[in-house]
N, C-alpha and C. Protein backbone atom coordinates (compact mmCIF):
# COMPACT_ATOMS: atom_id res chain seq x y z
N LEU A 1 0.77 -1.20 -0.07
CA LEU A 1 -0.08 0.15 -0.01
C LEU A 1 1.11 1.27 0.00
N VAL A 2 0.69 2.52 -0.63
CA VAL A 2 0.95 3.41 -1.03
C VAL A 2 0.02 4.39 -0.09
N ASP A 3 0.71 5.06 1.16
CA ASP A 3 0.54 6.24 1.73
C ASP A 3 -0.14 7.56 0.98
N ILE A 4 -0.76 8.19 -0.13
CA ILE A 4 -0.70 9.02 -0.68
C ILE A 4 -1.10 10.36 0.27
N THR A 5 -1.68 10.30 1.41
CA THR A 5 -1.79 11.52 2.15
C THR A 5 -0.63 11.96 2.48
N ALA A 6 0.40 10.98 2.92
CA ALA A 6 1.84 11.88 3.11
C ALA A 6 2.42 12.44 1.89
N ALA A 7 2.33 12.50 0.77
CA ALA A 7 2.60 13.33 -0.36
C ALA A 7 1.59 14.59 -0.57
N ALA A 8 0.90 14.43 -0.36
CA ALA A 8 -0.34 15.42 -0.18
C ALA A 8 -0.01 16.87 0.35
N PRO A 9 -0.06 18.30 -0.09
CA PRO A 9 0.64 19.42 0.60
C PRO A 9 -0.62 19.54 1.97
N ALA A 10 -0.12 20.33 2.89
CA ALA A 10 -1.16 20.74 3.72
C ALA A 10 -2.20 21.47 3.18
N PRO A 11 -3.52 21.06 4.02
CA PRO A 11 -4.89 22.25 3.17
C PRO A 11 -4.63 23.60 2.84
N SER A 12 -3.94 23.90 4.36
CA SER A 12 -3.69 25.63 4.28
C SER A 12 -2.81 26.03 3.05
N MET A 13 -2.08 25.26 2.52
CA MET A 13 -1.39 25.47 1.15
C MET A 13 -1.99 25.49 -0.02
N THR A 14 -3.18 24.70 -0.01
CA THR A 14 -4.03 24.55 -1.34
C THR A 14 -5.43 25.26 -1.44
N THR A 15 -5.56 25.74 -0.26
CA THR A 15 -7.02 26.55 -0.16
C THR A 15 -6.40 27.82 -0.10
N LYS A 16 -6.95 28.34 -1.47
CA LYS A 16 -6.86 30.15 -1.44
C LYS A 16 -8.59 30.51 -1.15
N LYS A 17 -8.37 31.44 -0.37
CA LYS A 17 -9.77 31.82 -0.23
C LYS A 17 -10.42 32.98 -1.45
N PRO A 18 -11.79 32.85 -1.60
CA PRO A 18 -11.82 33.55 -2.94
C PRO A 18 -11.82 35.19 -2.48
N ASP A 19 -11.74 35.97 -4.09
CA ASP A 19 -11.42 37.38 -3.82
C ASP A 19 -12.59 38.29 -2.99
N ILE A 20 -13.77 37.68 -2.87
CA ILE A 20 -14.87 38.49 -2.52
C ILE A 20 -15.39 37.79 -1.39
N HIS A 21 -15.24 38.53 -0.58
CA HIS A 21 -15.72 38.21 1.08
C HIS A 21 -16.71 39.17 1.33
N VAL A 22 -18.09 38.42 1.41
CA VAL A 22 -19.11 39.35 1.99
C VAL A 22 -19.85 39.13 3.28
N LEU A 23 -20.41 40.62 4.06
CA LEU A 23 -20.54 40.86 5.62
C LEU A 23 -21.86 41.10 5.33
N THR A 24 -22.94 40.42 5.42
CA THR A 24 -24.26 40.25 5.28
C THR A 24 -25.33 39.94 6.06
N ALA A 25 -26.47 40.32 5.82
CA ALA A 25 -27.45 39.54 6.90
C ALA A 25 -28.94 39.39 5.82
N SER A 26 -30.15 38.34 6.36
CA SER A 26 -30.68 38.05 5.17
C SER A 26 -31.85 38.76 5.18
N THR A 27 -31.54 40.02 4.67
CA THR A 27 -32.82 41.34 4.31
C THR A 27 -32.64 41.50 2.76
N GLN A 28 -33.18 42.29 2.51
CA GLN A 28 -33.61 42.61 0.79
C GLN A 28 -32.29 43.07 0.20
N ASN A 29 -31.86 44.17 1.01
CA ASN A 29 -30.27 44.60 0.55
C ASN A 29 -29.52 43.90 0.64
N GLY A 30 -29.29 42.97 1.86
CA GLY A 30 -28.22 42.05 2.30
C GLY A 30 -27.89 40.80 0.99
N TRP A 31 -29.61 40.76 0.29
CA TRP A 31 -29.11 39.53 -0.53
C TRP A 31 -28.70 40.32 -2.18
N LYS A 32 -28.61 41.31 -2.40
CA LYS A 32 -28.33 41.76 -3.51
C LYS A 32 -27.04 41.53 -3.99
N PRO A 33 -26.15 41.64 -3.06
CA PRO A 33 -24.66 41.30 -3.61
C PRO A 33 -24.65 40.00 -3.89
N LEU A 34 -25.34 38.58 -3.32
CA LEU A 34 -25.11 37.57 -3.13
C LEU A 34 -25.90 37.41 -4.49
N ILE A 35 -27.06 38.02 -4.90
CA ILE A 35 -28.04 37.64 -6.02
C ILE A 35 -26.50 37.80 -7.21
N TYR A 36 -26.00 38.81 -7.42
CA TYR A 36 -25.09 39.20 -8.13
C TYR A 36 -24.18 38.18 -8.27
N LEU A 37 -23.61 37.94 -7.14
CA LEU A 37 -21.99 36.73 -7.13
C LEU A 37 -22.72 35.49 -7.78
N GLU A 38 -24.10 35.18 -7.40
CA GLU A 38 -24.43 33.86 -7.79
C GLU A 38 -25.01 33.71 -9.22
N GLU A 39 -25.55 34.70 -9.67
CA GLU A 39 -25.93 34.76 -11.09
C GLU A 39 -24.44 35.09 -12.16
N ALA A 40 -23.33 35.60 -11.74
CA ALA A 40 -21.99 35.84 -12.37
C ALA A 40 -21.19 35.10 -12.16
N GLY A 41 -21.64 33.43 -11.44
CA GLY A 41 -20.72 32.37 -11.27
C GLY A 41 -19.34 32.97 -10.33
N ILE A 42 -19.40 33.86 -9.74
CA ILE A 42 -18.22 34.53 -8.46
C ILE A 42 -18.18 34.09 -7.50
N GLU A 43 -17.20 33.28 -7.30
CA GLU A 43 -16.76 32.13 -6.05
C GLU A 43 -17.00 33.55 -4.84
N TYR A 44 -17.29 33.43 -3.59
CA TYR A 44 -17.15 34.72 -2.61
C TYR A 44 -17.18 33.79 -0.87
N GLU A 45 -17.05 34.32 -0.02
CA GLU A 45 -16.75 33.74 1.23
C GLU A 45 -17.83 34.77 1.63
N LEU A 46 -18.60 33.92 2.35
CA LEU A 46 -20.12 34.78 3.38
C LEU A 46 -19.74 34.47 4.91
N THR A 47 -19.93 35.69 5.46
CA THR A 47 -20.03 36.06 6.83
C THR A 47 -21.48 36.55 7.35
N HIS A 48 -22.06 36.07 8.22
CA HIS A 48 -23.25 36.17 8.71
C HIS A 48 -23.21 37.48 9.98
N ILE A 49 -24.06 38.65 9.11
CA ILE A 49 -23.94 39.52 10.41
C ILE A 49 -25.17 39.03 11.33
N ASP A 50 -25.01 39.15 12.43
CA ASP A 50 -26.12 38.77 13.43
C ASP A 50 -27.16 40.35 14.09
N PHE A 51 -28.03 40.72 13.40
CA PHE A 51 -28.42 42.05 14.07
C PHE A 51 -28.83 41.50 15.59
N SER A 52 -29.33 40.34 16.15
CA SER A 52 -29.74 40.31 17.52
C SER A 52 -28.40 40.72 18.42
N LYS A 53 -27.00 40.39 18.14
CA LYS A 53 -26.23 40.40 18.75
C LYS A 53 -25.61 41.94 18.59
N LYS A 54 -26.15 42.93 17.59
CA LYS A 54 -25.78 44.02 16.73
C LYS A 54 -24.43 44.31 16.49
N GLU A 55 -24.38 43.51 15.68
CA GLU A 55 -22.61 43.06 15.18
C GLU A 55 -22.47 43.79 14.17
N GLN A 56 -23.49 44.21 13.38
CA GLN A 56 -23.44 45.57 12.42
C GLN A 56 -22.70 46.95 12.79
N LYS A 57 -22.90 47.16 13.93
CA LYS A 57 -22.64 48.24 14.56
C LYS A 57 -21.32 48.04 15.69
N SER A 58 -20.81 46.96 15.54
CA SER A 58 -19.97 46.42 16.52
C SER A 58 -18.32 47.49 15.87
N ASP A 59 -17.27 47.92 17.22
CA ASP A 59 -16.40 48.43 16.40
C ASP A 59 -15.49 47.46 15.17
N TRP A 60 -15.18 46.49 15.32
CA TRP A 60 -14.60 45.47 14.13
C TRP A 60 -15.49 46.30 12.61
N TYR A 61 -16.76 45.91 12.66
CA TYR A 61 -17.30 46.18 11.88
C TYR A 61 -17.56 47.74 11.05
N LYS A 62 -17.88 48.46 12.10
CA LYS A 62 -17.66 50.13 11.76
C LYS A 62 -16.26 50.53 11.08
N LYS A 63 -15.70 49.40 11.37
CA LYS A 63 -13.94 50.01 10.69
C LYS A 63 -14.01 49.79 8.93
N LEU A 64 -14.99 48.56 8.79
CA LEU A 64 -15.27 48.29 7.30
C LEU A 64 -16.36 49.13 6.87
N ASN A 65 -17.28 49.60 7.72
CA ASN A 65 -18.43 50.52 6.90
C ASN A 65 -18.86 51.11 8.18
N PRO A 66 -18.36 52.48 7.88
CA PRO A 66 -18.68 53.65 9.36
C PRO A 66 -20.29 53.55 9.60
N ASN A 67 -20.79 53.22 8.46
CA ASN A 67 -22.34 53.47 8.55
C ASN A 67 -23.10 52.60 9.29
N GLY A 68 -22.36 51.51 9.67
CA GLY A 68 -23.02 50.43 10.78
C GLY A 68 -23.90 49.55 9.79
N ARG A 69 -24.22 49.41 8.93
CA ARG A 69 -25.12 49.01 7.99
C ARG A 69 -24.98 47.94 7.36
N ILE A 70 -25.42 47.08 6.57
CA ILE A 70 -25.12 45.65 6.02
C ILE A 70 -25.54 46.27 4.34
N PRO A 71 -25.24 45.70 3.21
CA PRO A 71 -24.04 44.81 2.98
C PRO A 71 -22.80 45.20 3.39
N THR A 72 -21.69 45.21 3.22
CA THR A 72 -19.95 45.01 3.08
C THR A 72 -19.73 44.31 2.42
N ILE A 73 -18.75 44.35 1.43
CA ILE A 73 -17.91 43.33 0.76
C ILE A 73 -16.36 43.75 0.96
N ILE A 74 -15.44 43.38 0.87
CA ILE A 74 -14.22 43.01 1.08
C ILE A 74 -13.25 42.28 0.08
N ASP A 75 -12.77 43.49 -1.03
CA ASP A 75 -12.13 42.66 -2.35
C ASP A 75 -10.57 42.38 -1.74
N ARG A 76 -10.32 41.08 -1.90
CA ARG A 76 -8.93 41.02 -1.17
C ARG A 76 -8.00 41.03 -2.06
N SER A 77 -8.42 40.67 -3.46
CA SER A 77 -7.61 40.99 -4.46
C SER A 77 -7.00 42.50 -4.99
N ASN A 78 -7.71 43.54 -3.97
CA ASN A 78 -7.72 44.86 -4.24
C ASN A 78 -7.20 45.51 -3.09
N ASP A 79 -6.01 45.15 -2.50
CA ASP A 79 -5.76 45.73 -0.98
C ASP A 79 -6.69 45.64 0.22
N ASP A 80 -7.83 44.65 0.00
CA ASP A 80 -8.76 44.23 1.01
C ASP A 80 -9.71 45.77 1.18
N PHE A 81 -9.99 45.94 -0.16
CA PHE A 81 -10.82 47.25 -0.51
C PHE A 81 -12.21 47.08 0.14
N ALA A 82 -12.70 47.84 1.04
CA ALA A 82 -13.89 47.40 1.53
C ALA A 82 -15.03 48.44 0.70
N VAL A 83 -16.17 48.14 0.45
CA VAL A 83 -16.95 48.78 -0.47
C VAL A 83 -18.70 48.51 0.23
N PHE A 84 -19.27 49.64 0.75
CA PHE A 84 -20.46 49.12 1.23
C PHE A 84 -21.82 50.20 0.78
N GLU A 85 -22.82 49.67 1.10
CA GLU A 85 -24.16 50.21 0.57
C GLU A 85 -24.42 49.15 -0.79
N SER A 86 -25.47 48.38 -0.81
CA SER A 86 -25.93 47.68 -1.88
C SER A 86 -25.75 47.70 -3.34
N ASN A 87 -26.13 48.97 -3.64
CA ASN A 87 -25.76 49.53 -5.01
C ASN A 87 -24.66 50.06 -5.17
N ALA A 88 -23.50 50.46 -4.20
CA ALA A 88 -22.01 50.90 -4.47
C ALA A 88 -21.56 49.27 -4.74
N ILE A 89 -22.26 48.36 -4.22
CA ILE A 89 -21.69 47.33 -4.27
C ILE A 89 -21.59 46.33 -5.71
N LEU A 90 -23.05 46.65 -6.09
CA LEU A 90 -23.36 45.96 -7.43
C LEU A 90 -22.42 47.08 -8.46
N LEU A 91 -22.51 48.32 -8.26
CA LEU A 91 -21.93 48.81 -9.44
C LEU A 91 -20.22 48.59 -9.34
N TYR A 92 -19.58 48.08 -8.09
CA TYR A 92 -18.38 48.14 -8.01
C TYR A 92 -18.30 46.57 -8.79
N LEU A 93 -18.73 45.70 -8.36
CA LEU A 93 -18.65 43.79 -8.69
C LEU A 93 -19.01 44.42 -10.43
N ALA A 94 -19.96 44.79 -10.83
CA ALA A 94 -19.89 44.85 -11.98
C ALA A 94 -18.99 45.57 -13.11
N GLU A 95 -18.26 46.50 -12.22
CA GLU A 95 -17.35 47.01 -13.22
C GLU A 95 -16.11 46.30 -13.20
N LYS A 96 -15.97 45.76 -11.96
CA LYS A 96 -14.56 44.41 -11.69
C LYS A 96 -14.87 43.53 -12.65
N TYR A 97 -16.03 42.96 -13.00
CA TYR A 97 -16.22 41.69 -13.36
C TYR A 97 -16.39 41.87 -14.94
N GLY A 98 -17.08 42.70 -15.12
CA GLY A 98 -17.52 43.07 -16.58
C GLY A 98 -18.95 42.18 -17.06
N LYS A 99 -19.50 42.14 -16.06
CA LYS A 99 -20.67 41.07 -16.01
C LYS A 99 -21.92 41.99 -15.74
N PHE A 100 -23.10 41.79 -16.84
CA PHE A 100 -24.31 42.26 -16.52
C PHE A 100 -24.48 43.86 -16.51
N TRP A 101 -23.02 44.36 -17.36
CA TRP A 101 -22.96 45.93 -17.06
C TRP A 101 -22.35 46.36 -18.23
N PRO A 102 -23.07 47.12 -19.38
CA PRO A 102 -22.45 47.68 -20.56
C PRO A 102 -21.23 48.59 -20.54
N THR A 103 -20.68 48.31 -21.76
CA THR A 103 -19.79 48.86 -21.86
C THR A 103 -19.67 50.50 -21.86
N ASP A 104 -20.97 50.62 -23.17
CA ASP A 104 -21.05 51.60 -23.68
C ASP A 104 -21.79 52.76 -22.82
N PRO A 105 -21.33 53.89 -22.73
CA PRO A 105 -21.89 54.72 -21.68
C PRO A 105 -23.32 54.83 -21.94
N LYS A 106 -23.61 54.99 -22.91
CA LYS A 106 -25.91 54.76 -22.94
C LYS A 106 -25.94 53.74 -22.81
N LYS A 107 -25.51 52.93 -23.29
CA LYS A 107 -26.29 51.82 -22.45
C LYS A 107 -26.29 51.63 -21.30
N ARG A 108 -24.91 51.83 -20.75
CA ARG A 108 -24.93 52.04 -19.31
C ARG A 108 -25.85 52.70 -18.46
N SER A 109 -26.27 54.35 -19.13
CA SER A 109 -27.15 55.16 -18.49
C SER A 109 -28.89 54.38 -18.50
N GLU A 110 -28.98 53.92 -19.65
CA GLU A 110 -30.13 53.09 -19.82
C GLU A 110 -30.20 52.12 -18.83
N GLY A 111 -29.41 51.61 -18.42
CA GLY A 111 -29.57 50.15 -17.50
C GLY A 111 -29.34 51.01 -16.04
N ILE A 112 -29.21 52.25 -15.75
CA ILE A 112 -29.33 52.48 -14.32
C ILE A 112 -30.69 53.22 -14.31
């Protein structure tokens, strides 16, 4: 018998976190970035923000989003750039990934 686990790299060396980390709760605005990411086929990490514990008002969260509201995303591929407010997130993601967002200014204006 050959032990194949001995030759396998450690999981931490092979597992790369997705570029986009979404911090949100189960609300209409909170689902918007998730719907975009799912429809665009983009991998993401999800952290649920618990309103009953007021996590959105905690110091750690307000460092990401000074408004203390959901949703917020962190783009790990862009120096951990934080974007908050659902419409700002949707515009950021559309421009970053070029999905569901026309490049023609006239068509883009019609889409808004």
